[in-house]
């Protein structure tokens, strides 16, 4: 495969929020009664996702990140978007399993459960060739992106299973991946391999807990020029044109239950959801959008 070639569906794409994934119109009320747990909620995509779930009528939203001041800002935005949505937060580093466990326990204690989880916390440092990379920074990418995601999954799963048991509309788990998971770009070995691993981890969640009602998705959030993304090479910045509200609306759409048939797969927030749904039979029958080794017949 070319070093810059990405594997993707040939499908209509969007680079802004559109009616089918709009939490203020089409999806309004789709999160009614639900408790949403979000990591990396202090800014960017995580913050936009919290606001979107409030707009969609979530009963409660629980936020975590490492900055208390930024979490308070997100909480204020959630309350402004929907004063009826309860919102609490806890400072949490996802690489610390005890902090993750404590935050999920606090969410359940306050709100009675967890119906959907958006694992959004991530890390991206300066890119470098493997032979010129900083070993500490390289492994830190894996600690946050993969170990942190594992911690969230590990401690949220029992509550998502219980949510799905109470009502079929519960039990959704979104893992933030990247289109980079499908690419092999020079100098991106830490970031792109960690995101590729997240796609496979999503498949394992489905294999281990799908029958218990957990619906897990690994999603590309679009090309968003977040604070982290600014660490990418300058030449890539011009491609990062998507607003964080695109991924936020896509997450709300996934948790509405309309894509439960696609659980255990990699999806892109850029893909048109109506066309994606029309491709359902082909995707399921051919087992598309999963990590597989390509070999000649």
Protein backbone atom coordinates (compact mmCIF):
# COMPACT_ATOMS: atom_id res chain seq x y z
CA UNK A 1 0.00 0.00 0.00
CA UNK A 2 1.18 3.52 -0.76
CA UNK A 3 2.61 5.37 2.21
CA UNK A 4 -0.15 7.96 1.97
CA UNK A 5 -3.06 5.94 0.57
CA UNK A 6 -6.04 5.64 2.90
CA UNK A 7 -8.56 2.82 2.76
CA UNK A 8 -12.10 4.17 2.72
CA UNK A 9 -15.56 3.65 1.30
CA UNK A 10 -16.47 5.35 -1.95
CA UNK A 11 -19.29 7.33 -0.40
CA UNK A 12 -20.64 10.87 -0.29
CA UNK A 13 -18.89 12.96 2.36
CA UNK A 14 -19.64 16.03 4.45
CA UNK A 15 -17.42 18.68 5.96
CA UNK A 16 -20.04 20.42 8.08
CA UNK A 17 -22.98 19.34 10.20
CA UNK A 18 -26.03 18.49 8.08
CA UNK A 19 -29.71 17.76 8.88
CA UNK A 20 -29.47 13.97 9.35
CA UNK A 21 -27.02 14.36 12.26
CA UNK A 22 -28.27 17.66 13.68
CA UNK A 23 -28.98 17.26 17.44
CA UNK A 24 -31.13 20.39 17.46
CA UNK A 25 -33.52 19.20 14.74
CA UNK A 26 -33.54 15.65 13.34
CA UNK A 27 -31.93 14.09 16.42
CA UNK A 28 -33.58 16.32 19.01
CA UNK A 29 -34.83 14.12 21.85
CA UNK A 30 -32.80 11.10 20.71
CA UNK A 31 -30.69 11.25 23.89
CA UNK A 32 -33.66 11.81 26.18
CA UNK A 33 -33.25 10.03 29.52
CA UNK A 34 -29.67 8.99 28.82
CA UNK A 35 -26.52 9.47 30.89
CA UNK A 36 -23.47 10.25 28.75
CA UNK A 37 -19.85 9.84 29.93
CA UNK A 38 -17.19 11.71 27.95
CA UNK A 39 -13.40 11.72 28.33
CA UNK A 40 -11.23 14.45 26.83
CA UNK A 41 -14.18 16.79 27.27
CA UNK A 42 -12.28 19.99 28.00
CA UNK A 43 -12.05 21.34 24.45
CA UNK A 44 -12.43 20.62 20.75
CA UNK A 45 -14.29 17.49 19.72
CA UNK A 46 -15.00 16.30 23.28
CA UNK A 47 -16.48 19.65 24.24
CA UNK A 48 -18.58 19.83 21.06
CA UNK A 49 -19.83 16.28 21.72
CA UNK A 50 -20.96 17.20 25.23
CA UNK A 51 -22.90 20.18 23.87
CA UNK A 52 -24.44 18.07 21.10
CA UNK A 53 -25.75 15.45 23.53
CA UNK A 54 -27.25 18.23 25.64
CA UNK A 55 -28.96 19.61 22.54
CA UNK A 56 -30.27 16.11 21.85
CA UNK A 57 -31.89 16.01 25.29
CA UNK A 58 -29.51 13.96 27.44
CA UNK A 59 -30.64 13.64 31.05
CA UNK A 60 -27.09 13.95 32.36
CA UNK A 61 -23.58 14.39 31.01
CA UNK A 62 -20.45 13.51 32.96
CA UNK A 63 -17.20 15.11 31.80
CA UNK A 64 -13.57 14.20 32.43
CA UNK A 65 -10.28 15.75 31.37
CA UNK A 66 -7.07 16.93 33.03
CA UNK A 67 -7.95 20.65 33.31
CA UNK A 68 -10.57 21.68 35.86
CA UNK A 69 -10.87 25.19 34.45
CA UNK A 70 -11.52 23.86 30.95
CA UNK A 71 -14.02 21.32 32.30
CA UNK A 72 -15.92 24.14 33.99
CA UNK A 73 -16.06 25.93 30.64
CA UNK A 74 -17.52 22.84 28.97
CA UNK A 75 -20.02 22.41 31.79
CA UNK A 76 -21.18 26.00 31.30
CA UNK A 77 -21.64 25.37 27.58
CA UNK A 78 -23.67 22.22 28.28
CA UNK A 79 -25.97 24.05 30.70
CA UNK A 80 -26.39 26.89 28.22
CA UNK A 81 -27.30 24.42 25.45
CA UNK A 82 -29.89 22.68 27.64
CA UNK A 83 -30.61 23.85 31.20
CA UNK A 84 -32.49 20.60 31.81
CA UNK A 85 -29.36 18.50 31.32
CA UNK A 86 -27.51 17.79 34.54
CA UNK A 87 -23.74 18.09 34.18
CA UNK A 88 -20.91 17.13 36.51
CA UNK A 89 -17.22 16.57 35.97
CA UNK A 90 -14.07 15.13 37.50
CA UNK A 91 -10.43 15.86 36.74
CA UNK A 92 -9.06 12.60 35.37
CA UNK A 93 -5.98 11.32 33.56
CA UNK A 94 -7.07 8.32 31.50
CA UNK A 95 -3.66 6.68 31.85
CA UNK A 96 -4.38 6.27 35.58
CA UNK A 97 -6.80 3.37 35.92
CA UNK A 98 -7.74 4.34 39.47
CA UNK A 99 -8.80 7.81 38.34
CA UNK A 100 -10.85 6.37 35.47
CA UNK A 101 -12.53 3.86 37.77
CA UNK A 102 -13.27 6.61 40.30
CA UNK A 103 -14.81 8.92 37.69
CA UNK A 104 -17.11 6.23 36.32
CA UNK A 105 -18.10 5.22 39.85
CA UNK A 106 -18.91 8.86 40.65
CA UNK A 107 -21.00 9.16 37.49
CA UNK A 108 -22.99 6.05 38.37
CA UNK A 109 -23.42 7.17 41.97
CA UNK A 110 -24.76 10.56 40.90
CA UNK A 111 -26.91 9.59 37.94
CA UNK A 112 -27.73 5.91 38.39
CA UNK A 113 -25.81 4.47 35.46
CA UNK A 114 -24.05 5.09 32.17
CA UNK A 115 -25.90 4.71 28.87
CA UNK A 116 -23.28 5.92 26.38
CA UNK A 117 -19.54 6.55 26.54
CA UNK A 118 -17.45 8.70 24.23
CA UNK A 119 -13.75 7.91 24.73
CA UNK A 120 -12.26 11.05 23.28
CA UNK A 121 -9.03 11.67 25.23
CA UNK A 122 -5.96 11.46 23.01
CA UNK A 123 -2.33 12.42 22.56
CA UNK A 124 -0.24 13.52 19.62
CA UNK A 125 3.28 14.92 19.77
CA UNK A 126 5.74 16.04 17.14
CA UNK A 127 6.16 13.42 14.43
CA UNK A 128 9.56 11.92 13.65
CA UNK A 129 11.03 8.92 11.88
CA UNK A 130 11.31 5.89 14.15
CA UNK A 131 15.09 6.05 14.23
CA UNK A 132 14.97 9.71 15.23
CA UNK A 133 12.01 9.57 17.63
CA UNK A 134 11.92 10.32 21.34
CA UNK A 135 11.19 6.98 23.06
CA UNK A 136 9.33 8.63 25.94
CA UNK A 137 7.08 10.67 23.65
CA UNK A 138 6.55 7.70 21.28
CA UNK A 139 5.31 5.46 24.07
CA UNK A 140 3.28 8.25 25.70
CA UNK A 141 1.15 8.26 22.55
CA UNK A 142 0.30 4.60 23.17
CA UNK A 143 -0.28 5.15 26.88
CA UNK A 144 -2.93 7.80 26.26
CA UNK A 145 -4.47 6.62 23.01
CA UNK A 146 -4.61 2.89 23.71
CA UNK A 147 -4.07 2.26 27.41
CA UNK A 148 -6.32 5.20 28.27
CA UNK A 149 -9.01 3.91 25.93
CA UNK A 150 -8.69 0.43 27.45
CA UNK A 151 -9.15 1.85 30.96
CA UNK A 152 -12.35 3.61 29.91
CA UNK A 153 -13.67 0.45 28.24
CA UNK A 154 -12.71 -1.77 31.17
CA UNK A 155 -14.56 0.22 33.81
CA UNK A 156 -17.49 1.34 31.67
CA UNK A 157 -18.40 -2.05 30.18
CA UNK A 158 -20.33 -3.45 33.18
CA UNK A 159 -22.50 -0.32 33.27
CA UNK A 160 -23.06 -0.32 29.52
CA UNK A 161 -24.18 -3.94 29.72
CA UNK A 162 -26.61 -2.99 32.47
CA UNK A 163 -27.84 -0.05 30.39
CA UNK A 164 -28.47 -2.31 27.39
CA UNK A 165 -30.25 -4.79 29.65
CA UNK A 166 -32.64 -2.07 30.88
CA UNK A 167 -33.43 -0.72 27.42
CA UNK A 168 -32.15 -1.55 23.90
CA UNK A 169 -31.33 2.11 23.21
CA UNK A 170 -28.49 2.00 25.74
CA UNK A 171 -25.03 0.49 25.80
CA UNK A 172 -23.23 2.60 23.18
CA UNK A 173 -19.45 3.01 23.23
CA UNK A 174 -17.59 5.34 20.86
CA UNK A 175 -13.81 5.13 20.52
CA UNK A 176 -12.09 8.02 18.75
CA UNK A 177 -9.88 6.59 16.04
CA UNK A 178 -8.55 8.38 12.96
CA UNK A 179 -8.32 8.03 9.20
CA UNK A 180 -4.63 7.75 10.05
CA UNK A 181 -5.35 4.24 11.33
CA UNK A 182 -5.69 3.20 7.69
CA UNK A 183 -2.51 4.95 6.51
CA UNK A 184 1.25 4.41 6.69
CA UNK A 185 2.72 7.89 6.58
CA UNK A 186 6.40 8.60 7.20
CA UNK A 187 7.07 9.95 10.73
CA UNK A 188 3.63 8.92 12.07
CA UNK A 189 4.50 5.50 13.51
CA UNK A 190 3.32 6.18 17.08
CA UNK A 191 0.04 7.93 16.30
CA UNK A 192 -1.13 5.85 13.35
CA UNK A 193 -0.28 2.48 14.91
CA UNK A 194 -2.07 3.43 18.15
CA UNK A 195 -5.19 4.39 16.21
CA UNK A 196 -4.99 1.20 14.14
CA UNK A 197 -4.92 -0.74 17.40
CA UNK A 198 -8.04 1.10 18.58
CA UNK A 199 -9.91 -0.21 15.53
CA UNK A 200 -8.98 -3.77 16.46
CA UNK A 201 -9.85 -3.14 20.11
CA UNK A 202 -13.31 -2.05 18.95
CA UNK A 203 -13.70 -5.41 17.20
CA UNK A 204 -12.73 -7.23 20.39
CA UNK A 205 -15.31 -5.27 22.41
CA UNK A 206 -17.93 -6.50 19.95
CA UNK A 207 -16.67 -10.08 20.08
CA UNK A 208 -16.52 -10.12 23.88
CA UNK A 209 -19.57 -8.02 24.78
CA UNK A 210 -21.68 -7.45 21.68
CA UNK A 211 -24.09 -10.23 22.57
CA UNK A 212 -24.59 -8.54 25.95
CA UNK A 213 -25.86 -5.44 24.19
CA UNK A 214 -22.75 -3.24 23.94
CA UNK A 215 -22.57 -1.37 20.64
CA UNK A 216 -18.99 -0.22 20.03
CA UNK A 217 -17.73 1.94 17.16
CA UNK A 218 -14.27 3.27 16.27
CA UNK A 219 -14.74 6.57 14.46
CA UNK A 220 -12.69 9.02 12.48
CA UNK A 221 -13.82 12.43 13.78
CA UNK A 222 -13.02 14.22 10.53
CA UNK A 223 -10.13 16.50 9.83
CA UNK A 224 -10.35 18.91 12.76
CA UNK A 225 -7.59 21.40 13.50
CA UNK A 226 -7.58 20.75 17.24
CA UNK A 227 -4.78 21.73 19.59
CA UNK A 228 -3.39 18.22 19.23
CA UNK A 229 -3.69 18.22 15.45
CA UNK A 230 -1.50 21.31 15.28
CA UNK A 231 1.39 19.00 16.17
CA UNK A 232 0.99 17.35 12.77
CA UNK A 233 3.31 18.51 9.98
CA UNK A 234 2.36 21.96 8.69
CA UNK A 235 1.58 20.56 5.25
CA UNK A 236 -1.38 18.64 6.70
CA UNK A 237 -3.00 21.61 8.42
CA UNK A 238 -4.68 22.80 5.23
CA UNK A 239 -6.57 19.49 5.03
CA UNK A 240 -8.06 19.88 8.50
CA UNK A 241 -11.18 21.80 7.52
CA UNK A 242 -13.93 20.04 9.50
CA UNK A 243 -15.61 21.64 12.53
CA UNK A 244 -15.76 19.58 15.75
CA UNK A 245 -19.57 19.74 15.54
CA UNK A 246 -19.45 17.25 12.63
CA UNK A 247 -18.03 14.44 14.79
CA UNK A 248 -20.29 15.50 17.67
CA UNK A 249 -23.42 15.15 15.57
CA UNK A 250 -22.20 11.83 14.18
CA UNK A 251 -21.69 10.54 17.73
CA UNK A 252 -25.24 11.51 18.68
CA UNK A 253 -26.50 9.75 15.55
CA UNK A 254 -24.59 6.57 16.43
CA UNK A 255 -26.05 6.58 19.94
CA UNK A 256 -29.58 7.02 18.57
CA UNK A 257 -29.45 3.34 17.59
CA UNK A 258 -29.72 3.88 13.85
CA UNK A 259 -26.32 2.32 13.20
CA UNK A 260 -26.38 -0.55 15.67
CA UNK A 261 -26.02 -2.93 12.72
CA UNK A 262 -22.50 -1.50 12.18
CA UNK A 263 -21.21 -2.19 15.68
CA UNK A 264 -17.63 -3.41 15.94
CA UNK A 265 -16.56 -1.42 12.87
CA UNK A 266 -14.58 1.64 11.85
CA UNK A 267 -16.71 4.52 10.58
CA UNK A 268 -15.94 8.04 9.45
CA UNK A 269 -17.82 11.10 10.66
CA UNK A 270 -17.46 12.48 7.15
CA UNK A 271 -19.55 9.72 5.58
CA UNK A 272 -23.15 10.53 4.67
CA UNK A 273 -25.24 8.54 7.13
CA UNK A 274 -28.16 7.97 4.77
CA UNK A 275 -25.90 6.50 2.11
CA UNK A 276 -24.04 4.51 4.76
CA UNK A 277 -27.33 3.02 5.90
CA UNK A 278 -28.23 2.08 2.34
CA UNK A 279 -24.94 0.15 2.18
CA UNK A 280 -25.89 -1.89 5.28
CA UNK A 281 -26.45 -5.24 3.55
CA UNK A 282 -23.21 -5.03 1.57
CA UNK A 283 -21.16 -3.99 4.60
CA UNK A 284 -22.54 -6.77 6.80
CA UNK A 285 -22.47 -9.47 4.14
CA UNK A 286 -18.90 -8.72 3.04
CA UNK A 287 -17.73 -7.92 6.59
CA UNK A 288 -16.39 -4.53 5.58
CA UNK A 289 -14.86 -1.76 7.69
CA UNK A 290 -12.79 -4.07 9.90
CA UNK A 291 -9.04 -4.73 10.11
CA UNK A 292 -8.06 -7.63 7.87
CA UNK A 293 -4.91 -8.82 6.11
CA UNK A 294 -5.19 -8.57 2.34
CA UNK A 295 -3.86 -11.67 0.57
CA UNK A 296 -4.08 -12.89 -3.02
CA UNK A 297 -6.65 -15.58 -3.78
